[in-house]
């Protein structure tokens, strides 16, 4: 990774951009002013900083995320941003290829986590609705049995 800092120009800047977005960096921290074009000068400084590697090591894909998300931090944008071929990346740089793989895996795991949590909530809602329906039916039967007994 530190060898990337020695480059003057990089190919596939979207990979670095997506990784930094996943790690919580804002557009203003990594892009040219008021654009979505990666500023490699800014990213060089981020790559050289220990917090970048710490954020990668501590990245948590599971669980709900709090706060508002900007459009460029959403998984759909990041997936589209990483729509590259493995062969080109691997031929260009193993480091860039490994970053791409890490980002792909993080996005995939995050999406799976969101889907599983959503399905779990749906199952809980269905179970609750079934329990309420069964309780209502039991109450109806009990009321009917009481009225028959009183009659």
N, C-alpha and C. Protein backbone atom coordinates (compact mmCIF):
# COMPACT_ATOMS: atom_id res chain seq x y z
N UNK A 1 0.83 -1.20 0.00
CA UNK A 1 0.00 0.00 0.00
C UNK A 1 0.87 1.25 0.00
N UNK A 2 1.92 1.23 0.78
CA UNK A 2 2.76 2.42 0.86
C UNK A 2 3.46 2.70 -0.46
N UNK A 3 3.65 1.68 -1.29
CA UNK A 3 4.24 1.91 -2.62
C UNK A 3 3.33 2.73 -3.50
N UNK A 4 2.01 2.66 -3.27
CA UNK A 4 1.08 3.47 -4.05
C UNK A 4 1.35 4.96 -3.86
N UNK A 5 1.86 5.31 -2.70
CA UNK A 5 2.15 6.73 -2.43
C UNK A 5 3.23 7.26 -3.37
N UNK A 6 4.08 6.38 -3.90
CA UNK A 6 5.16 6.81 -4.79
C UNK A 6 4.68 7.06 -6.21
N UNK A 7 3.50 6.60 -6.56
CA UNK A 7 2.97 6.79 -7.90
C UNK A 7 2.59 8.26 -8.09
N UNK A 8 2.72 8.73 -9.31
CA UNK A 8 2.25 10.08 -9.64
C UNK A 8 0.82 10.04 -10.15
N UNK A 9 0.52 9.01 -10.90
CA UNK A 9 -0.81 8.83 -11.46
C UNK A 9 -1.19 7.38 -11.24
N UNK A 10 -2.46 7.14 -10.94
CA UNK A 10 -2.90 5.76 -10.77
C UNK A 10 -4.01 5.45 -11.76
N UNK A 11 -4.06 4.20 -12.11
CA UNK A 11 -5.14 3.68 -12.92
C UNK A 11 -6.19 3.15 -11.96
N UNK A 12 -7.44 3.15 -12.34
CA UNK A 12 -8.54 2.65 -11.52
C UNK A 12 -8.68 3.42 -10.20
N UNK A 13 -8.82 4.73 -10.25
CA UNK A 13 -8.97 5.49 -9.01
C UNK A 13 -10.27 5.18 -8.27
N UNK A 14 -11.24 4.61 -8.98
CA UNK A 14 -12.53 4.29 -8.34
C UNK A 14 -12.37 3.25 -7.23
N UNK A 15 -11.36 2.41 -7.34
CA UNK A 15 -11.13 1.41 -6.30
C UNK A 15 -10.76 2.10 -4.99
N UNK A 16 -9.78 2.99 -5.06
CA UNK A 16 -9.38 3.73 -3.85
C UNK A 16 -10.53 4.59 -3.34
N UNK A 17 -11.27 5.17 -4.25
CA UNK A 17 -12.39 6.02 -3.86
C UNK A 17 -13.45 5.20 -3.11
N UNK A 18 -13.78 4.04 -3.62
CA UNK A 18 -14.79 3.20 -2.98
C UNK A 18 -14.32 2.71 -1.61
N UNK A 19 -13.06 2.32 -1.51
CA UNK A 19 -12.53 1.86 -0.23
C UNK A 19 -12.59 2.97 0.80
N UNK A 20 -12.22 4.18 0.41
CA UNK A 20 -12.25 5.29 1.37
C UNK A 20 -13.68 5.64 1.77
N UNK A 21 -14.61 5.56 0.83
CA UNK A 21 -16.02 5.80 1.18
C UNK A 21 -16.51 4.74 2.16
N UNK A 22 -16.14 3.48 1.93
CA UNK A 22 -16.54 2.41 2.85
C UNK A 22 -16.01 2.66 4.26
N UNK A 23 -14.82 3.23 4.32
CA UNK A 23 -14.18 3.46 5.62
C UNK A 23 -14.67 4.73 6.30
N UNK A 24 -15.55 5.46 5.63
CA UNK A 24 -16.17 6.61 6.28
C UNK A 24 -15.56 7.96 5.94
N UNK A 25 -14.67 8.01 4.98
CA UNK A 25 -14.13 9.30 4.57
C UNK A 25 -15.16 10.02 3.71
N UNK A 26 -15.20 11.32 3.81
CA UNK A 26 -16.18 12.09 3.04
C UNK A 26 -15.62 12.47 1.68
N UNK A 27 -16.49 12.88 0.81
CA UNK A 27 -16.09 13.29 -0.53
C UNK A 27 -15.09 14.45 -0.48
N UNK A 28 -15.31 15.36 0.44
CA UNK A 28 -14.44 16.53 0.56
C UNK A 28 -13.02 16.13 0.97
N UNK A 29 -12.89 15.03 1.68
CA UNK A 29 -11.58 14.59 2.14
C UNK A 29 -10.75 13.90 1.05
N UNK A 30 -11.42 13.37 0.02
CA UNK A 30 -10.67 12.57 -0.96
C UNK A 30 -10.84 13.02 -2.40
N UNK A 31 -11.75 13.92 -2.68
CA UNK A 31 -12.01 14.32 -4.06
C UNK A 31 -11.63 15.78 -4.30
N UNK A 32 -11.47 16.10 -5.59
CA UNK A 32 -11.26 17.49 -5.95
C UNK A 32 -12.48 18.29 -5.52
N UNK A 33 -12.29 19.55 -5.33
CA UNK A 33 -13.34 20.42 -4.81
C UNK A 33 -14.59 20.40 -5.69
N UNK A 34 -15.71 20.12 -5.05
CA UNK A 34 -17.04 20.11 -5.67
C UNK A 34 -17.15 19.19 -6.89
N UNK A 35 -16.39 18.09 -6.88
CA UNK A 35 -16.51 17.08 -7.94
C UNK A 35 -16.51 15.71 -7.28
N UNK A 36 -16.63 14.70 -8.11
CA UNK A 36 -16.52 13.32 -7.62
C UNK A 36 -15.24 12.69 -8.16
N UNK A 37 -14.30 13.52 -8.59
CA UNK A 37 -13.04 13.03 -9.14
C UNK A 37 -12.03 12.88 -8.02
N UNK A 38 -11.49 11.69 -7.90
CA UNK A 38 -10.53 11.40 -6.84
C UNK A 38 -9.31 12.30 -6.95
N UNK A 39 -8.92 12.88 -5.85
CA UNK A 39 -7.68 13.66 -5.78
C UNK A 39 -6.61 12.75 -5.19
N UNK A 40 -5.71 12.29 -6.03
CA UNK A 40 -4.71 11.34 -5.56
C UNK A 40 -3.77 11.99 -4.54
N UNK A 41 -3.59 13.30 -4.64
CA UNK A 41 -2.75 14.00 -3.66
C UNK A 41 -3.35 13.85 -2.25
N UNK A 42 -4.67 13.98 -2.15
CA UNK A 42 -5.33 13.84 -0.85
C UNK A 42 -5.27 12.40 -0.36
N UNK A 43 -5.47 11.47 -1.28
CA UNK A 43 -5.50 10.06 -0.90
C UNK A 43 -4.10 9.57 -0.49
N UNK A 44 -3.07 10.13 -1.09
CA UNK A 44 -1.70 9.79 -0.68
C UNK A 44 -1.51 10.03 0.81
N UNK A 45 -2.01 11.16 1.28
CA UNK A 45 -1.87 11.49 2.70
C UNK A 45 -2.67 10.52 3.56
N UNK A 46 -3.85 10.15 3.09
CA UNK A 46 -4.69 9.21 3.84
C UNK A 46 -4.03 7.84 3.91
N UNK A 47 -3.45 7.39 2.79
CA UNK A 47 -2.79 6.08 2.77
C UNK A 47 -1.61 6.06 3.71
N UNK A 48 -0.92 7.16 3.84
CA UNK A 48 0.24 7.22 4.72
C UNK A 48 -0.11 7.31 6.19
N UNK A 49 -1.36 7.57 6.49
CA UNK A 49 -1.80 7.73 7.87
C UNK A 49 -2.19 6.38 8.48
N UNK A 50 -1.85 6.17 9.73
CA UNK A 50 -2.17 4.91 10.42
C UNK A 50 -3.67 4.70 10.59
N UNK A 51 -4.44 5.77 10.68
CA UNK A 51 -5.88 5.60 10.90
C UNK A 51 -6.56 4.89 9.73
N UNK A 52 -6.02 5.03 8.53
CA UNK A 52 -6.57 4.34 7.36
C UNK A 52 -6.54 2.83 7.58
N UNK A 53 -5.39 2.33 7.99
CA UNK A 53 -5.23 0.89 8.20
C UNK A 53 -6.02 0.43 9.42
N UNK A 54 -6.11 1.28 10.41
CA UNK A 54 -6.89 0.96 11.60
C UNK A 54 -8.37 0.86 11.23
N UNK A 55 -8.85 1.78 10.41
CA UNK A 55 -10.25 1.73 9.98
C UNK A 55 -10.52 0.48 9.16
N UNK A 56 -9.56 0.07 8.32
CA UNK A 56 -9.75 -1.15 7.53
C UNK A 56 -9.84 -2.37 8.45
N UNK A 57 -8.98 -2.41 9.45
CA UNK A 57 -8.95 -3.56 10.36
C UNK A 57 -10.22 -3.60 11.22
N UNK A 58 -10.76 -2.46 11.57
CA UNK A 58 -11.91 -2.39 12.46
C UNK A 58 -13.24 -2.27 11.72
N UNK A 59 -13.24 -2.36 10.39
CA UNK A 59 -14.47 -2.22 9.63
C UNK A 59 -15.46 -3.30 10.03
N UNK A 60 -16.66 -2.89 10.36
CA UNK A 60 -17.71 -3.82 10.76
C UNK A 60 -18.83 -3.76 9.72
N UNK A 61 -19.06 -4.88 9.07
CA UNK A 61 -20.10 -4.95 8.06
C UNK A 61 -21.46 -5.26 8.66
N UNK A 62 -21.47 -5.89 9.84
CA UNK A 62 -22.73 -6.35 10.43
C UNK A 62 -23.32 -5.29 11.35
N UNK A 63 -24.62 -5.39 11.50
CA UNK A 63 -25.31 -4.51 12.42
C UNK A 63 -25.83 -3.26 11.73
N UNK A 64 -26.80 -2.62 12.36
CA UNK A 64 -27.35 -1.40 11.77
C UNK A 64 -26.36 -0.25 11.85
N UNK A 65 -26.36 0.58 10.83
CA UNK A 65 -25.52 1.77 10.80
C UNK A 65 -26.39 2.97 11.14
N UNK A 66 -25.87 3.81 12.00
CA UNK A 66 -26.63 4.99 12.40
C UNK A 66 -26.15 6.19 11.61
N UNK A 67 -26.98 7.18 11.53
CA UNK A 67 -26.62 8.40 10.83
C UNK A 67 -27.17 8.43 9.42
N UNK A 68 -27.05 9.59 8.82
CA UNK A 68 -27.52 9.77 7.45
C UNK A 68 -26.41 9.40 6.48
N UNK A 69 -26.80 8.80 5.38
CA UNK A 69 -25.83 8.40 4.37
C UNK A 69 -25.99 9.29 3.14
N UNK A 70 -24.89 9.77 2.65
CA UNK A 70 -24.91 10.53 1.41
C UNK A 70 -24.99 9.52 0.26
N UNK A 71 -25.42 9.98 -0.90
CA UNK A 71 -25.63 9.07 -2.04
C UNK A 71 -24.39 8.27 -2.38
N UNK A 72 -23.23 8.89 -2.27
CA UNK A 72 -22.00 8.19 -2.65
C UNK A 72 -21.54 7.18 -1.61
N UNK A 73 -22.19 7.11 -0.48
CA UNK A 73 -21.83 6.12 0.54
C UNK A 73 -22.74 4.90 0.51
N UNK A 74 -23.71 4.90 -0.36
CA UNK A 74 -24.67 3.80 -0.42
C UNK A 74 -24.10 2.65 -1.24
N UNK A 75 -24.54 1.45 -0.92
CA UNK A 75 -23.98 0.25 -1.53
C UNK A 75 -24.19 0.19 -3.04
N UNK A 76 -25.30 0.68 -3.53
CA UNK A 76 -25.55 0.66 -4.97
C UNK A 76 -24.51 1.47 -5.73
N UNK A 77 -24.19 2.64 -5.22
CA UNK A 77 -23.18 3.48 -5.85
C UNK A 77 -21.82 2.81 -5.79
N UNK A 78 -21.49 2.25 -4.64
CA UNK A 78 -20.18 1.62 -4.48
C UNK A 78 -20.04 0.39 -5.37
N UNK A 79 -21.12 -0.40 -5.51
CA UNK A 79 -21.07 -1.56 -6.41
C UNK A 79 -20.80 -1.13 -7.84
N UNK A 80 -21.51 -0.10 -8.26
CA UNK A 80 -21.34 0.39 -9.62
C UNK A 80 -19.93 0.98 -9.81
N UNK A 81 -19.41 1.60 -8.77
CA UNK A 81 -18.07 2.19 -8.79
C UNK A 81 -17.00 1.11 -8.96
N UNK A 82 -17.26 -0.08 -8.46
CA UNK A 82 -16.28 -1.16 -8.50
C UNK A 82 -16.53 -2.14 -9.65
N UNK A 83 -17.32 -1.74 -10.61
CA UNK A 83 -17.63 -2.60 -11.75
C UNK A 83 -16.44 -2.63 -12.70
N UNK A 84 -15.44 -3.43 -12.35
CA UNK A 84 -14.20 -3.54 -13.12
C UNK A 84 -13.89 -5.02 -13.34
N UNK A 85 -13.01 -5.29 -14.29
CA UNK A 85 -12.63 -6.68 -14.53
C UNK A 85 -11.41 -7.04 -13.70
N UNK A 86 -11.42 -8.25 -13.20
CA UNK A 86 -10.33 -8.73 -12.35
C UNK A 86 -9.00 -8.75 -13.10
N UNK A 87 -9.03 -9.15 -14.36
CA UNK A 87 -7.79 -9.31 -15.12
C UNK A 87 -7.05 -7.98 -15.27
N UNK A 88 -7.79 -6.92 -15.61
CA UNK A 88 -7.16 -5.61 -15.76
C UNK A 88 -6.52 -5.15 -14.45
N UNK A 89 -7.26 -5.32 -13.37
CA UNK A 89 -6.74 -4.91 -12.06
C UNK A 89 -5.52 -5.71 -11.66
N UNK A 90 -5.58 -7.01 -11.86
CA UNK A 90 -4.48 -7.87 -11.46
C UNK A 90 -3.23 -7.59 -12.29
N UNK A 91 -3.41 -7.28 -13.56
CA UNK A 91 -2.27 -6.95 -14.41
C UNK A 91 -1.66 -5.61 -14.02
N UNK A 92 -2.50 -4.68 -13.61
CA UNK A 92 -2.01 -3.35 -13.26
C UNK A 92 -1.25 -3.36 -11.94
N UNK A 93 -1.90 -3.87 -10.89
CA UNK A 93 -1.28 -3.83 -9.57
C UNK A 93 -1.95 -4.85 -8.65
N UNK A 94 -1.15 -5.67 -8.01
CA UNK A 94 -1.69 -6.64 -7.05
C UNK A 94 -2.31 -5.90 -5.87
N UNK A 95 -1.71 -4.81 -5.47
CA UNK A 95 -2.24 -4.02 -4.35
C UNK A 95 -3.63 -3.51 -4.67
N UNK A 96 -3.80 -2.95 -5.86
CA UNK A 96 -5.10 -2.43 -6.27
C UNK A 96 -6.11 -3.57 -6.38
N UNK A 97 -5.66 -4.72 -6.86
CA UNK A 97 -6.52 -5.90 -6.97
C UNK A 97 -6.98 -6.35 -5.59
N UNK A 98 -6.08 -6.39 -4.62
CA UNK A 98 -6.44 -6.80 -3.26
C UNK A 98 -7.39 -5.80 -2.61
N UNK A 99 -7.17 -4.52 -2.85
CA UNK A 99 -8.10 -3.50 -2.34
C UNK A 99 -9.48 -3.69 -2.95
N UNK A 100 -9.52 -3.96 -4.25
CA UNK A 100 -10.79 -4.20 -4.94
C UNK A 100 -11.50 -5.42 -4.35
N UNK A 101 -10.74 -6.50 -4.11
CA UNK A 101 -11.32 -7.70 -3.51
C UNK A 101 -11.87 -7.41 -2.12
N UNK A 102 -11.12 -6.64 -1.32
CA UNK A 102 -11.57 -6.30 0.02
C UNK A 102 -12.88 -5.50 -0.04
N UNK A 103 -12.93 -4.53 -0.93
CA UNK A 103 -14.13 -3.70 -1.06
C UNK A 103 -15.31 -4.54 -1.54
N UNK A 104 -15.08 -5.41 -2.52
CA UNK A 104 -16.14 -6.28 -3.03
C UNK A 104 -16.70 -7.15 -1.90
N UNK A 105 -15.80 -7.75 -1.14
CA UNK A 105 -16.22 -8.62 -0.05
C UNK A 105 -16.98 -7.83 1.03
N UNK A 106 -16.50 -6.65 1.36
CA UNK A 106 -17.16 -5.84 2.38
C UNK A 106 -18.57 -5.45 1.94
N UNK A 107 -18.71 -5.08 0.68
CA UNK A 107 -20.03 -4.70 0.15
C UNK A 107 -20.96 -5.90 0.13
N UNK A 108 -20.45 -7.03 -0.33
CA UNK A 108 -21.27 -8.25 -0.39
C UNK A 108 -21.74 -8.68 1.01
N UNK A 109 -20.83 -8.68 1.97
CA UNK A 109 -21.20 -9.06 3.34
C UNK A 109 -22.18 -8.07 3.94
N UNK A 110 -21.99 -6.79 3.67
CA UNK A 110 -22.90 -5.77 4.18
C UNK A 110 -24.30 -5.97 3.61
N UNK A 111 -24.39 -6.21 2.32
CA UNK A 111 -25.69 -6.42 1.69
C UNK A 111 -26.38 -7.66 2.23
N UNK A 112 -25.62 -8.74 2.41
CA UNK A 112 -26.18 -9.96 2.98
C UNK A 112 -26.69 -9.71 4.40
N UNK A 113 -25.95 -8.94 5.18
CA UNK A 113 -26.36 -8.63 6.55
C UNK A 113 -27.66 -7.83 6.55
N UNK A 114 -27.76 -6.85 5.67
CA UNK A 114 -28.98 -6.04 5.60
C UNK A 114 -30.18 -6.91 5.22
N UNK A 115 -29.99 -7.78 4.24
CA UNK A 115 -31.08 -8.65 3.81
C UNK A 115 -31.49 -9.60 4.93
N UNK A 116 -30.52 -10.19 5.61
CA UNK A 116 -30.86 -11.14 6.68
C UNK A 116 -31.56 -10.44 7.85
N UNK A 117 -31.13 -9.23 8.18
CA UNK A 117 -31.81 -8.50 9.26
C UNK A 117 -33.23 -8.11 8.84
N UNK A 118 -33.40 -7.71 7.59
CA UNK A 118 -34.73 -7.36 7.09
C UNK A 118 -35.64 -8.58 7.10
N UNK A 119 -35.12 -9.73 6.66
CA UNK A 119 -35.91 -10.96 6.67
C UNK A 119 -36.27 -11.38 8.09
N UNK A 120 -35.34 -11.22 9.01
CA UNK A 120 -35.58 -11.56 10.41
C UNK A 120 -36.69 -10.69 10.99
N UNK A 121 -36.67 -9.41 10.68
CA UNK A 121 -37.72 -8.51 11.17
C UNK A 121 -39.06 -8.91 10.57
N UNK A 122 -39.07 -9.27 9.31
CA UNK A 122 -40.32 -9.70 8.66
C UNK A 122 -40.86 -10.98 9.30
N UNK A 123 -39.97 -11.92 9.60
CA UNK A 123 -40.39 -13.15 10.28
C UNK A 123 -40.97 -12.84 11.65
N UNK A 124 -40.33 -11.95 12.38
CA UNK A 124 -40.84 -11.57 13.71
C UNK A 124 -42.21 -10.92 13.61
N UNK A 125 -42.40 -10.07 12.60
CA UNK A 125 -43.71 -9.43 12.40
C UNK A 125 -44.78 -10.48 12.09
N UNK A 126 -44.43 -11.44 11.22
CA UNK A 126 -45.38 -12.50 10.87
C UNK A 126 -45.71 -13.36 12.08
N UNK A 127 -44.69 -13.70 12.88
CA UNK A 127 -44.92 -14.50 14.08
C UNK A 127 -45.82 -13.75 15.06
N UNK A 128 -45.60 -12.47 15.20
CA UNK A 128 -46.43 -11.66 16.10
C UNK A 128 -47.87 -11.63 15.61
N UNK A 129 -48.05 -11.42 14.30
CA UNK A 129 -49.39 -11.38 13.74
C UNK A 129 -50.10 -12.72 13.90
N UNK A 130 -49.38 -13.83 13.72
CA UNK A 130 -49.95 -15.16 13.91
C UNK A 130 -50.36 -15.36 15.36
N UNK A 131 -49.52 -14.93 16.29
CA UNK A 131 -49.84 -15.06 17.72
C UNK A 131 -51.07 -14.24 18.07
N UNK A 132 -51.18 -13.05 17.53
CA UNK A 132 -52.36 -12.20 17.80
C UNK A 132 -53.61 -12.85 17.24
N UNK A 133 -53.52 -13.40 16.04
CA UNK A 133 -54.68 -14.07 15.42
C UNK A 133 -55.10 -15.28 16.25
N UNK A 134 -54.14 -16.08 16.68
CA UNK A 134 -54.45 -17.25 17.50
C UNK A 134 -55.06 -16.84 18.84
N UNK A 135 -54.56 -15.79 19.44
CA UNK A 135 -55.12 -15.32 20.71
C UNK A 135 -56.56 -14.85 20.52
N UNK A 136 -56.83 -14.16 19.42
CA UNK A 136 -58.20 -13.72 19.13
C UNK A 136 -59.13 -14.91 18.93
N UNK A 137 -58.66 -15.93 18.22
CA UNK A 137 -59.47 -17.13 18.00
C UNK A 137 -59.77 -17.84 19.31
N UNK A 138 -58.75 -17.97 20.18
CA UNK A 138 -58.97 -18.60 21.50
C UNK A 138 -59.98 -17.81 22.32
N UNK A 139 -59.86 -16.51 22.28
CA UNK A 139 -60.78 -15.66 23.05
C UNK A 139 -62.21 -15.83 22.52
N UNK A 140 -62.35 -15.90 21.19
CA UNK A 140 -63.66 -16.09 20.59
C UNK A 140 -64.27 -17.42 21.02
N UNK A 141 -63.45 -18.48 20.98
CA UNK A 141 -63.93 -19.79 21.40
C UNK A 141 -64.31 -19.78 22.87
N UNK A 142 -63.52 -19.13 23.69
CA UNK A 142 -63.81 -19.05 25.12
C UNK A 142 -65.12 -18.29 25.35
N UNK A 143 -65.26 -17.16 24.68
CA UNK A 143 -66.53 -16.39 24.82
C UNK A 143 -67.72 -17.19 24.35
N UNK A 144 -67.55 -17.93 23.27
CA UNK A 144 -68.64 -18.76 22.74
C UNK A 144 -68.97 -19.88 23.73
N UNK A 145 -67.94 -20.50 24.30
CA UNK A 145 -68.18 -21.57 25.27
C UNK A 145 -68.86 -21.03 26.52
N UNK A 146 -68.50 -19.81 26.96
CA UNK A 146 -69.12 -19.20 28.14
C UNK A 146 -70.59 -18.90 27.88
N UNK A 147 -70.90 -18.37 26.71
CA UNK A 147 -72.30 -18.06 26.39
C UNK A 147 -73.13 -19.34 26.29
N UNK A 148 -72.55 -20.43 25.76
CA UNK A 148 -73.27 -21.69 25.69
C UNK A 148 -73.48 -22.26 27.09
N UNK A 149 -72.47 -22.12 27.95
CA UNK A 149 -72.57 -22.63 29.31
C UNK A 149 -73.63 -21.85 30.08
N UNK A 150 -73.72 -20.53 29.86
CA UNK A 150 -74.71 -19.73 30.56
C UNK A 150 -76.11 -20.01 30.03
N UNK A 151 -76.19 -20.36 28.77
CA UNK A 151 -77.50 -20.66 28.20
C UNK A 151 -77.97 -21.98 28.73
